[in-house]
Amino acid sequence: MPDALDRNPVPATVLGVKAGESLRLEDPERPVSVYPVFNRHSSDGVAVLVENEGVLHNGDLYSPGNSAPAPNGRCWS
């Protein structure tokens, strides 16, 4: 089903970021910082931090298995 963007398309804006640099998206309520993450799993991963909310999204960088304690001290089920 068509949504609002489908009914009223607008050109996309793409921000280029040099390799190894971070990006900050300013917002008065919820600024967002995007950090590069390099490891054996991925050479172009990112971690996204919504600072005022205390939320960090890191994709699948942390995968402890079924019985390891989570960062908050609880166990995964």
PDB file of N, CA and C in Angstrom:
ATOM      1  N   MET A   1       0.835  -1.172   0.000  1.00  0.00           N
ATOM      2  CA  MET A   1       0.000   0.000   0.000  1.00  0.00           C
ATOM      3  C   MET A   1       0.881   1.237   0.000  1.00  0.00           C
ATOM      4  N   PRO A   2       0.555   2.200  -0.821  1.00  0.00           N
ATOM      5  CA  PRO A   2       1.348   3.430  -0.858  1.00  0.00           C
ATOM      6  C   PRO A   2       1.283   4.179   0.472  1.00  0.00           C
ATOM      7  N   ASP A   3       2.435   4.718   0.881  1.00  0.00           N
ATOM      8  CA  ASP A   3       2.461   5.546   2.075  1.00  0.00           C
ATOM      9  C   ASP A   3       2.631   7.005   1.676  1.00  0.00           C
ATOM     10  N   ALA A   4       2.775   7.894   2.663  1.00  0.00           N
ATOM     11  CA  ALA A   4       2.868   9.328   2.387  1.00  0.00           C
ATOM     12  C   ALA A   4       4.065   9.661   1.499  1.00  0.00           C
ATOM     13  N   LEU A   5       5.208   9.014   1.726  1.00  0.00           N
ATOM     14  CA  LEU A   5       6.389   9.285   0.899  1.00  0.00           C
ATOM     15  C   LEU A   5       6.195   8.766  -0.513  1.00  0.00           C
ATOM     16  N   ASP A   6       5.517   7.645  -0.661  1.00  0.00           N
ATOM     17  CA  ASP A   6       5.232   7.102  -1.984  1.00  0.00           C
ATOM     18  C   ASP A   6       4.308   8.041  -2.763  1.00  0.00           C
ATOM     19  N   ARG A   7       3.354   8.628  -2.079  1.00  0.00           N
ATOM     20  CA  ARG A   7       2.408   9.550  -2.729  1.00  0.00           C
ATOM     21  C   ARG A   7       3.037  10.902  -3.022  1.00  0.00           C
ATOM     22  N   ASN A   8       4.036  11.313  -2.231  1.00  0.00           N
ATOM     23  CA  ASN A   8       4.690  12.619  -2.393  1.00  0.00           C
ATOM     24  C   ASN A   8       6.201  12.445  -2.306  1.00  0.00           C
ATOM     25  N   PRO A   9       6.823  11.851  -3.325  1.00  0.00           N
ATOM     26  CA  PRO A   9       8.267  11.588  -3.254  1.00  0.00           C
ATOM     27  C   PRO A   9       9.096  12.883  -3.181  1.00  0.00           C
ATOM     28  N   VAL A  10      10.199  12.797  -2.475  1.00  0.00           N
ATOM     29  CA  VAL A  10      11.153  13.906  -2.382  1.00  0.00           C
ATOM     30  C   VAL A  10      12.544  13.353  -2.646  1.00  0.00           C
ATOM     31  N   PRO A  11      13.440  14.170  -3.168  1.00  0.00           N
ATOM     32  CA  PRO A  11      14.805  13.694  -3.414  1.00  0.00           C
ATOM     33  C   PRO A  11      15.495  13.331  -2.094  1.00  0.00           C
ATOM     34  N   ALA A  12      16.300  12.289  -2.129  1.00  0.00           N
ATOM     35  CA  ALA A  12      17.056  11.864  -0.952  1.00  0.00           C
ATOM     36  C   ALA A  12      18.287  12.742  -0.768  1.00  0.00           C
ATOM     37  N   THR A  13      18.656  12.940   0.479  1.00  0.00           N
ATOM     38  CA  THR A  13      19.891  13.640   0.812  1.00  0.00           C
ATOM     39  C   THR A  13      20.853  12.619   1.404  1.00  0.00           C
ATOM     40  N   VAL A  14      22.016  12.472   0.799  1.00  0.00           N
ATOM     41  CA  VAL A  14      23.009  11.513   1.259  1.00  0.00           C
ATOM     42  C   VAL A  14      24.196  12.281   1.822  1.00  0.00           C
ATOM     43  N   LEU A  15      24.561  11.976   3.073  1.00  0.00           N
ATOM     44  CA  LEU A  15      25.717  12.614   3.697  1.00  0.00           C
ATOM     45  C   LEU A  15      26.921  11.702   3.567  1.00  0.00           C
ATOM     46  N   GLY A  16      27.966  12.204   2.978  1.00  0.00           N
ATOM     47  CA  GLY A  16      29.201  11.432   2.880  1.00  0.00           C
ATOM     48  C   GLY A  16      30.036  11.604   4.139  1.00  0.00           C
ATOM     49  N   VAL A  17      30.601  10.517   4.627  1.00  0.00           N
ATOM     50  CA  VAL A  17      31.454  10.556   5.810  1.00  0.00           C
ATOM     51  C   VAL A  17      32.733   9.805   5.477  1.00  0.00           C
ATOM     52  N   LYS A  18      33.859  10.430   5.733  1.00  0.00           N
ATOM     53  CA  LYS A  18      35.147   9.790   5.459  1.00  0.00           C
ATOM     54  C   LYS A  18      35.355   8.585   6.366  1.00  0.00           C
ATOM     55  N   ALA A  19      36.072   7.611   5.866  1.00  0.00           N
ATOM     56  CA  ALA A  19      36.362   6.390   6.625  1.00  0.00           C
ATOM     57  C   ALA A  19      36.991   6.739   7.964  1.00  0.00           C
ATOM     58  N   GLY A  20      36.504   6.137   9.028  1.00  0.00           N
ATOM     59  CA  GLY A  20      37.059   6.347  10.356  1.00  0.00           C
ATOM     60  C   GLY A  20      36.525   7.559  11.088  1.00  0.00           C
ATOM     61  N   GLU A  21      35.703   8.379  10.430  1.00  0.00           N
ATOM     62  CA  GLU A  21      35.155   9.567  11.085  1.00  0.00           C
ATOM     63  C   GLU A  21      33.763   9.280  11.625  1.00  0.00           C
ATOM     64  N   SER A  22      33.374  10.019  12.651  1.00  0.00           N
ATOM     65  CA  SER A  22      32.026   9.891  13.195  1.00  0.00           C
ATOM     66  C   SER A  22      31.141  10.979  12.593  1.00  0.00           C
ATOM     67  N   LEU A  23      29.853  10.855  12.853  1.00  0.00           N
ATOM     68  CA  LEU A  23      28.868  11.802  12.330  1.00  0.00           C
ATOM     69  C   LEU A  23      27.921  12.152  13.459  1.00  0.00           C
ATOM     70  N   ARG A  24      27.601  13.418  13.602  1.00  0.00           N
ATOM     71  CA  ARG A  24      26.631  13.852  14.612  1.00  0.00           C
ATOM     72  C   ARG A  24      25.459  14.510  13.900  1.00  0.00           C
ATOM     73  N   LEU A  25      24.259  14.023  14.197  1.00  0.00           N
ATOM     74  CA  LEU A  25      23.028  14.584  13.650  1.00  0.00           C
ATOM     75  C   LEU A  25      22.387  15.404  14.759  1.00  0.00           C
ATOM     76  N   GLU A  26      22.452  16.715  14.612  1.00  0.00           N
ATOM     77  CA  GLU A  26      21.955  17.610  15.651  1.00  0.00           C
ATOM     78  C   GLU A  26      20.432  17.614  15.677  1.00  0.00           C
ATOM     79  N   ASP A  27      19.890  17.618  16.876  1.00  0.00           N
ATOM     80  CA  ASP A  27      18.460  17.719  17.091  1.00  0.00           C
ATOM     81  C   ASP A  27      18.272  18.284  18.484  1.00  0.00           C
ATOM     82  N   PRO A  28      17.362  19.229  18.681  1.00  0.00           N
ATOM     83  CA  PRO A  28      17.219  19.838  20.010  1.00  0.00           C
ATOM     84  C   PRO A  28      16.808  18.845  21.101  1.00  0.00           C
ATOM     85  N   GLU A  29      16.059  17.814  20.758  1.00  0.00           N
ATOM     86  CA  GLU A  29      15.607  16.847  21.755  1.00  0.00           C
ATOM     87  C   GLU A  29      16.424  15.566  21.777  1.00  0.00           C
ATOM     88  N   ARG A  30      16.785  15.067  20.602  1.00  0.00           N
ATOM     89  CA  ARG A  30      17.467  13.773  20.522  1.00  0.00           C
ATOM     90  C   ARG A  30      18.610  13.797  19.508  1.00  0.00           C
ATOM     91  N   PRO A  31      19.737  14.427  19.865  1.00  0.00           N
ATOM     92  CA  PRO A  31      20.875  14.361  18.951  1.00  0.00           C
ATOM     93  C   PRO A  31      21.362  12.923  18.832  1.00  0.00           C
ATOM     94  N   VAL A  32      21.869  12.589  17.670  1.00  0.00           N
ATOM     95  CA  VAL A  32      22.322  11.231  17.382  1.00  0.00           C
ATOM     96  C   VAL A  32      23.769  11.268  16.931  1.00  0.00           C
ATOM     97  N   SER A  33      24.593  10.395  17.501  1.00  0.00           N
ATOM     98  CA  SER A  33      25.982  10.266  17.070  1.00  0.00           C
ATOM     99  C   SER A  33      26.169   8.881  16.459  1.00  0.00           C
ATOM    100  N   VAL A  34      26.840   8.838  15.328  1.00  0.00           N
ATOM    101  CA  VAL A  34      27.107   7.589  14.625  1.00  0.00           C
ATOM    102  C   VAL A  34      28.617   7.398  14.604  1.00  0.00           C
ATOM    103  N   TYR A  35      29.084   6.263  15.149  1.00  0.00           N
ATOM    104  CA  TYR A  35      30.507   5.989  15.259  1.00  0.00           C
ATOM    105  C   TYR A  35      30.894   4.788  14.399  1.00  0.00           C
ATOM    106  N   PRO A  36      32.035   4.865  13.729  1.00  0.00           N
ATOM    107  CA  PRO A  36      32.484   3.699  12.950  1.00  0.00           C
ATOM    108  C   PRO A  36      32.951   2.588  13.873  1.00  0.00           C
ATOM    109  N   VAL A  37      32.722   1.354  13.457  1.00  0.00           N
ATOM    110  CA  VAL A  37      33.164   0.186  14.221  1.00  0.00           C
ATOM    111  C   VAL A  37      33.873  -0.751  13.248  1.00  0.00           C
ATOM    112  N   PHE A  38      35.114  -1.052  13.553  1.00  0.00           N
ATOM    113  CA  PHE A  38      35.894  -1.958  12.714  1.00  0.00           C
ATOM    114  C   PHE A  38      36.264  -3.185  13.536  1.00  0.00           C
ATOM    115  N   ASN A  39      36.010  -4.359  13.014  1.00  0.00           N
ATOM    116  CA  ASN A  39      36.392  -5.594  13.685  1.00  0.00           C
ATOM    117  C   ASN A  39      36.489  -6.713  12.654  1.00  0.00           C
ATOM    118  N   ARG A  40      36.731  -7.938  13.116  1.00  0.00           N
ATOM    119  CA  ARG A  40      36.848  -9.069  12.185  1.00  0.00           C
ATOM    120  C   ARG A  40      35.517  -9.397  11.510  1.00  0.00           C
ATOM    121  N   HIS A  41      34.425  -9.023  12.137  1.00  0.00           N
ATOM    122  CA  HIS A  41      33.090  -9.331  11.624  1.00  0.00           C
ATOM    123  C   HIS A  41      32.697  -8.416  10.464  1.00  0.00           C
ATOM    124  N   SER A  42      33.079  -7.149  10.548  1.00  0.00           N
ATOM    125  CA  SER A  42      32.644  -6.177   9.542  1.00  0.00           C
ATOM    126  C   SER A  42      33.641  -5.036   9.451  1.00  0.00           C
ATOM    127  N   SER A  43      33.891  -4.566   8.262  1.00  0.00           N
ATOM    128  CA  SER A  43      34.812  -3.443   8.097  1.00  0.00           C
ATOM    129  C   SER A  43      34.072  -2.116   7.952  1.00  0.00           C
ATOM    130  N   ASP A  44      32.751  -2.154   7.916  1.00  0.00           N
ATOM    131  CA  ASP A  44      31.997  -0.915   7.739  1.00  0.00           C
ATOM    132  C   ASP A  44      30.799  -0.826   8.680  1.00  0.00           C
ATOM    133  N   GLY A  45      30.945  -1.368   9.889  1.00  0.00           N
ATOM    134  CA  GLY A  45      29.865  -1.315  10.860  1.00  0.00           C
ATOM    135  C   GLY A  45      29.810   0.034  11.552  1.00  0.00           C
ATOM    136  N   VAL A  46      28.672   0.296  12.191  1.00  0.00           N
ATOM    137  CA  VAL A  46      28.508   1.521  12.961  1.00  0.00           C
ATOM    138  C   VAL A  46      27.812   1.214  14.277  1.00  0.00           C
ATOM    139  N   ALA A  47      28.023   2.076  15.247  1.00  0.00           N
ATOM    140  CA  ALA A  47      27.263   2.088  16.496  1.00  0.00           C
ATOM    141  C   ALA A  47      26.574   3.439  16.550  1.00  0.00           C
ATOM    142  N   VAL A  48      25.299   3.434  16.899  1.00  0.00           N
ATOM    143  CA  VAL A  48      24.492   4.655  16.901  1.00  0.00           C
ATOM    144  C   VAL A  48      24.076   4.964  18.328  1.00  0.00           C
ATOM    145  N   LEU A  49      24.370   6.177  18.777  1.00  0.00           N
ATOM    146  CA  LEU A  49      24.068   6.600  20.134  1.00  0.00           C
ATOM    147  C   LEU A  49      23.049   7.726  20.125  1.00  0.00           C
ATOM    148  N   VAL A  50      21.910   7.512  20.796  1.00  0.00           N
ATOM    149  CA  VAL A  50      20.926   8.569  21.030  1.00  0.00           C
ATOM    150  C   VAL A  50      21.179   9.026  22.462  1.00  0.00           C
ATOM    151  N   GLU A  51      21.989  10.072  22.593  1.00  0.00           N
ATOM    152  CA  GLU A  51      22.552  10.460  23.883  1.00  0.00           C
ATOM    153  C   GLU A  51      21.508  10.775  24.950  1.00  0.00           C
ATOM    154  N   ASN A  52      20.550  11.619  24.639  1.00  0.00           N
ATOM    155  CA  ASN A  52      19.589  12.044  25.652  1.00  0.00           C
ATOM    156  C   ASN A  52      18.685  10.915  26.123  1.00  0.00           C
ATOM    157  N   GLU A  53      18.568   9.867  25.348  1.00  0.00           N
ATOM    158  CA  GLU A  53      17.743   8.724  25.714  1.00  0.00           C
ATOM    159  C   GLU A  53      18.567   7.605  26.355  1.00  0.00           C
ATOM    160  N   GLY A  54      19.895   7.704  26.256  1.00  0.00           N
ATOM    161  CA  GLY A  54      20.753   6.656  26.791  1.00  0.00           C
ATOM    162  C   GLY A  54      20.641   5.357  26.016  1.00  0.00           C
ATOM    163  N   VAL A  55      20.419   5.464  24.703  1.00  0.00           N
ATOM    164  CA  VAL A  55      20.234   4.289  23.861  1.00  0.00           C
ATOM    165  C   VAL A  55      21.417   4.142  22.919  1.00  0.00           C
ATOM    166  N   LEU A  56      22.017   2.951  22.914  1.00  0.00           N
ATOM    167  CA  LEU A  56      23.102   2.629  22.004  1.00  0.00           C
ATOM    168  C   LEU A  56      22.673   1.429  21.174  1.00  0.00           C
ATOM    169  N   HIS A  57      22.697   1.582  19.861  1.00  0.00           N
ATOM    170  CA  HIS A  57      22.395   0.458  18.967  1.00  0.00           C
ATOM    171  C   HIS A  57      23.701   0.055  18.300  1.00  0.00           C
ATOM    172  N   ASN A  58      24.052  -1.207  18.425  1.00  0.00           N
ATOM    173  CA  ASN A  58      25.321  -1.647  17.859  1.00  0.00           C
ATOM    174  C   ASN A  58      25.153  -2.852  16.945  1.00  0.00           C
ATOM    175  N   GLY A  59      23.958  -3.061  16.425  1.00  0.00           N
ATOM    176  CA  GLY A  59      23.749  -4.171  15.508  1.00  0.00           C
ATOM    177  C   GLY A  59      24.003  -5.495  16.192  1.00  0.00           C
ATOM    178  N   ASP A  60      24.815  -6.320  15.593  1.00  0.00           N
ATOM    179  CA  ASP A  60      25.083  -7.641  16.167  1.00  0.00           C
ATOM    180  C   ASP A  60      26.509  -7.744  16.711  1.00  0.00           C
ATOM    181  N   LEU A  61      27.026  -6.661  17.265  1.00  0.00           N
ATOM    182  CA  LEU A  61      28.386  -6.677  17.799  1.00  0.00           C
ATOM    183  C   LEU A  61      28.485  -7.450  19.104  1.00  0.00           C
ATOM    184  N   TYR A  62      27.398  -7.521  19.868  1.00  0.00           N
ATOM    185  CA  TYR A  62      27.402  -8.238  21.138  1.00  0.00           C
ATOM    186  C   TYR A  62      26.469  -9.429  21.013  1.00  0.00           C
ATOM    187  N   SER A  63      27.009 -10.621  21.034  1.00  0.00           N
ATOM    188  CA  SER A  63      26.217 -11.835  20.900  1.00  0.00           C
ATOM    189  C   SER A  63      26.787 -12.887  21.842  1.00  0.00           C
ATOM    190  N   PRO A  64      26.359 -12.863  23.111  1.00  0.00           N
ATOM    191  CA  PRO A  64      26.994 -13.706  24.113  1.00  0.00           C
ATOM    192  C   PRO A  64      26.572 -15.166  24.124  1.00  0.00           C
ATOM    193  N   GLY A  65      25.521 -15.535  23.440  1.00  0.00           N
ATOM    194  CA  GLY A  65      24.977 -16.882  23.562  1.00  0.00           C
ATOM    195  C   GLY A  65      23.799 -16.865  24.518  1.00  0.00           C
ATOM    196  N   ASN A  66      23.310 -18.030  24.884  1.00  0.00           N
ATOM    197  CA  ASN A  66      22.078 -18.098  25.666  1.00  0.00           C
ATOM    198  C   ASN A  66      22.244 -17.918  27.163  1.00  0.00           C
ATOM    199  N   SER A  67      23.403 -18.195  27.729  1.00  0.00           N
ATOM    200  CA  SER A  67      23.509 -18.182  29.186  1.00  0.00           C
ATOM    201  C   SER A  67      24.435 -17.107  29.739  1.00  0.00           C
ATOM    202  N   ALA A  68      25.076 -16.356  28.890  1.00  0.00           N
ATOM    203  CA  ALA A  68      25.991 -15.318  29.382  1.00  0.00           C
ATOM    204  C   ALA A  68      25.202 -14.136  29.925  1.00  0.00           C
ATOM    205  N   PRO A  69      25.691 -13.481  30.977  1.00  0.00           N
ATOM    206  CA  PRO A  69      24.977 -12.318  31.498  1.00  0.00           C
ATOM    207  C   PRO A  69      25.003 -11.168  30.495  1.00  0.00           C
ATOM    208  N   ALA A  70      23.890 -10.500  30.403  1.00  0.00           N
ATOM    209  CA  ALA A  70      23.780  -9.317  29.535  1.00  0.00           C
ATOM    210  C   ALA A  70      24.450  -8.150  30.236  1.00  0.00           C
ATOM    211  N   PRO A  71      24.724  -7.042  29.525  1.00  0.00           N
ATOM    212  CA  PRO A  71      25.372  -5.894  30.162  1.00  0.00           C
ATOM    213  C   PRO A  71      24.602  -5.356  31.357  1.00  0.00           C
ATOM    214  N   ASN A  72      23.283  -5.538  31.410  1.00  0.00           N
ATOM    215  CA  ASN A  72      22.495  -5.036  32.527  1.00  0.00           C
ATOM    216  C   ASN A  72      22.447  -6.022  33.688  1.00  0.00           C
ATOM    217  N   GLY A  73      23.170  -7.130  33.607  1.00  0.00           N
ATOM    218  CA  GLY A  73      23.242  -8.096  34.686  1.00  0.00           C
ATOM    219  C   GLY A  73      22.218  -9.224  34.597  1.00  0.00           C
ATOM    220  N   ARG A  74      21.236  -9.092  33.738  1.00  0.00           N
ATOM    221  CA  ARG A  74      20.244 -10.149  33.578  1.00  0.00           C
ATOM    222  C   ARG A  74      20.757 -11.172  32.564  1.00  0.00           C
ATOM    223  N   CYS A  75      20.189 -12.334  32.544  1.00  0.00           N
ATOM    224  CA  CYS A  75      20.583 -13.360  31.589  1.00  0.00           C
ATOM    225  C   CYS A  75      19.633 -13.356  30.392  1.00  0.00           C
ATOM    226  N   TRP A  76      20.186 -13.651  29.257  1.00  0.00           N
ATOM    227  CA  TRP A  76      19.374 -13.773  28.044  1.00  0.00           C
ATOM    228  C   TRP A  76      18.542 -15.042  28.160  1.00  0.00           C
ATOM    229  N   SER A  77      17.347 -15.025  27.631  1.00  0.00           N
ATOM    230  CA  SER A  77      16.535 -16.245  27.654  1.00  0.00           C
ATOM    231  C   SER A  77      16.225 -16.706  26.247  1.00  0.00           C
TER     232      SER A  77
END
